[in-house]
Amino acid sequence: MAFLLLGIYGKVIWLIISIIILGIGHIGIQWQHLKECEIENL
């Protein structure tokens, strides 16, 4: 979140785009891990 705000403040487009891409990937990894944990608990 801090880097996103820094990119917005400094108007650095490549930083904003990079943070969005990394954020989407991170959410995907966490979601996959959550689904694996739910399967193990069944």
N, C-alpha and C. Protein backbone atom coordinates (compact mmCIF):
# COMPACT_ATOMS: atom_id res chain seq x y z
N MET A 1 0.83 -1.19 0.00
CA MET A 1 0.00 0.00 0.00
C MET A 1 0.87 1.25 0.00
N ALA A 2 1.97 1.20 0.73
CA ALA A 2 2.83 2.38 0.82
C ALA A 2 3.45 2.71 -0.53
N PHE A 3 3.87 1.68 -1.27
CA PHE A 3 4.48 1.94 -2.57
C PHE A 3 3.45 2.46 -3.57
N LEU A 4 2.22 1.99 -3.46
CA LEU A 4 1.17 2.50 -4.33
C LEU A 4 0.95 3.99 -4.08
N LEU A 5 0.87 4.37 -2.82
CA LEU A 5 0.69 5.78 -2.49
C LEU A 5 1.91 6.60 -2.90
N LEU A 6 3.09 6.03 -2.76
CA LEU A 6 4.30 6.72 -3.20
C LEU A 6 4.29 6.93 -4.71
N GLY A 7 3.84 5.93 -5.45
CA GLY A 7 3.74 6.06 -6.90
C GLY A 7 2.73 7.12 -7.31
N ILE A 8 1.61 7.17 -6.60
CA ILE A 8 0.59 8.19 -6.90
C ILE A 8 1.12 9.57 -6.56
N TYR A 9 1.77 9.71 -5.42
CA TYR A 9 2.30 11.00 -5.00
C TYR A 9 3.37 11.50 -5.97
N GLY A 10 4.26 10.60 -6.39
CA GLY A 10 5.33 10.99 -7.29
C GLY A 10 4.95 10.93 -8.76
N LYS A 11 3.72 10.50 -9.04
CA LYS A 11 3.23 10.36 -10.41
C LYS A 11 4.14 9.47 -11.24
N VAL A 12 4.52 8.33 -10.64
CA VAL A 12 5.40 7.36 -11.30
C VAL A 12 4.52 6.21 -11.80
N ILE A 13 4.20 6.27 -13.09
CA ILE A 13 3.25 5.32 -13.67
C ILE A 13 3.76 3.89 -13.60
N TRP A 14 5.05 3.67 -13.90
CA TRP A 14 5.57 2.29 -13.92
C TRP A 14 5.52 1.67 -12.53
N LEU A 15 5.69 2.47 -11.48
CA LEU A 15 5.61 1.95 -10.12
C LEU A 15 4.17 1.56 -9.78
N ILE A 16 3.22 2.37 -10.18
CA ILE A 16 1.81 2.08 -9.93
C ILE A 16 1.40 0.80 -10.64
N ILE A 17 1.79 0.65 -11.91
CA ILE A 17 1.45 -0.55 -12.68
C ILE A 17 2.09 -1.78 -12.06
N SER A 18 3.35 -1.67 -11.64
CA SER A 18 4.04 -2.81 -11.03
C SER A 18 3.36 -3.25 -9.74
N ILE A 19 2.97 -2.30 -8.93
CA ILE A 19 2.33 -2.62 -7.66
C ILE A 19 0.97 -3.28 -7.89
N ILE A 20 0.23 -2.82 -8.89
CA ILE A 20 -1.06 -3.44 -9.19
C ILE A 20 -0.87 -4.88 -9.64
N ILE A 21 0.11 -5.13 -10.51
CA ILE A 21 0.38 -6.49 -10.99
C ILE A 21 0.81 -7.39 -9.83
N LEU A 22 1.72 -6.92 -9.00
CA LEU A 22 2.17 -7.72 -7.86
C LEU A 22 1.04 -7.96 -6.86
N GLY A 23 0.19 -6.97 -6.67
CA GLY A 23 -0.94 -7.11 -5.76
C GLY A 23 -1.92 -8.17 -6.22
N ILE A 24 -2.21 -8.18 -7.52
CA ILE A 24 -3.12 -9.19 -8.07
C ILE A 24 -2.51 -10.58 -7.91
N GLY A 25 -1.22 -10.72 -8.18
CA GLY A 25 -0.55 -12.01 -8.01
C GLY A 25 -0.57 -12.47 -6.57
N HIS A 26 -0.36 -11.54 -5.65
CA HIS A 26 -0.34 -11.88 -4.23
C HIS A 26 -1.72 -12.35 -3.77
N ILE A 27 -2.76 -11.68 -4.23
CA ILE A 27 -4.12 -12.09 -3.87
C ILE A 27 -4.40 -13.48 -4.41
N GLY A 28 -3.95 -13.77 -5.63
CA GLY A 28 -4.15 -15.09 -6.22
C GLY A 28 -3.45 -16.18 -5.44
N ILE A 29 -2.23 -15.93 -4.99
CA ILE A 29 -1.48 -16.91 -4.21
C ILE A 29 -2.18 -17.16 -2.87
N GLN A 30 -2.62 -16.10 -2.21
CA GLN A 30 -3.30 -16.26 -0.93
C GLN A 30 -4.62 -17.01 -1.09
N TRP A 31 -5.35 -16.75 -2.17
CA TRP A 31 -6.61 -17.42 -2.42
C TRP A 31 -6.39 -18.91 -2.66
N GLN A 32 -5.34 -19.24 -3.43
CA GLN A 32 -5.02 -20.64 -3.69
C GLN A 32 -4.66 -21.35 -2.38
N HIS A 33 -3.88 -20.70 -1.53
CA HIS A 33 -3.51 -21.29 -0.25
C HIS A 33 -4.74 -21.52 0.63
N LEU A 34 -5.66 -20.57 0.64
CA LEU A 34 -6.89 -20.71 1.42
C LEU A 34 -7.70 -21.90 0.93
N LYS A 35 -7.81 -22.07 -0.38
CA LYS A 35 -8.55 -23.21 -0.92
C LYS A 35 -7.88 -24.53 -0.54
N GLU A 36 -6.55 -24.58 -0.54
CA GLU A 36 -5.84 -25.80 -0.14
C GLU A 36 -6.11 -26.12 1.33
N CYS A 37 -6.13 -25.11 2.17
CA CYS A 37 -6.39 -25.33 3.60
C CYS A 37 -7.81 -25.82 3.83
N GLU A 38 -8.77 -25.30 3.06
CA GLU A 38 -10.15 -25.74 3.20
C GLU A 38 -10.30 -27.20 2.78
N ILE A 39 -9.59 -27.62 1.74
CA ILE A 39 -9.66 -29.01 1.28
C ILE A 39 -9.07 -29.94 2.34
N GLU A 40 -7.97 -29.55 2.98
CA GLU A 40 -7.34 -30.39 4.00
C GLU A 40 -8.22 -30.54 5.23
N ASN A 41 -9.05 -29.55 5.52
CA ASN A 41 -9.89 -29.59 6.72
C ASN A 41 -11.17 -30.39 6.51
N LEU A 42 -11.47 -30.79 5.30
CA LEU A 42 -12.71 -31.55 5.06
C LEU A 42 -12.60 -32.98 5.45
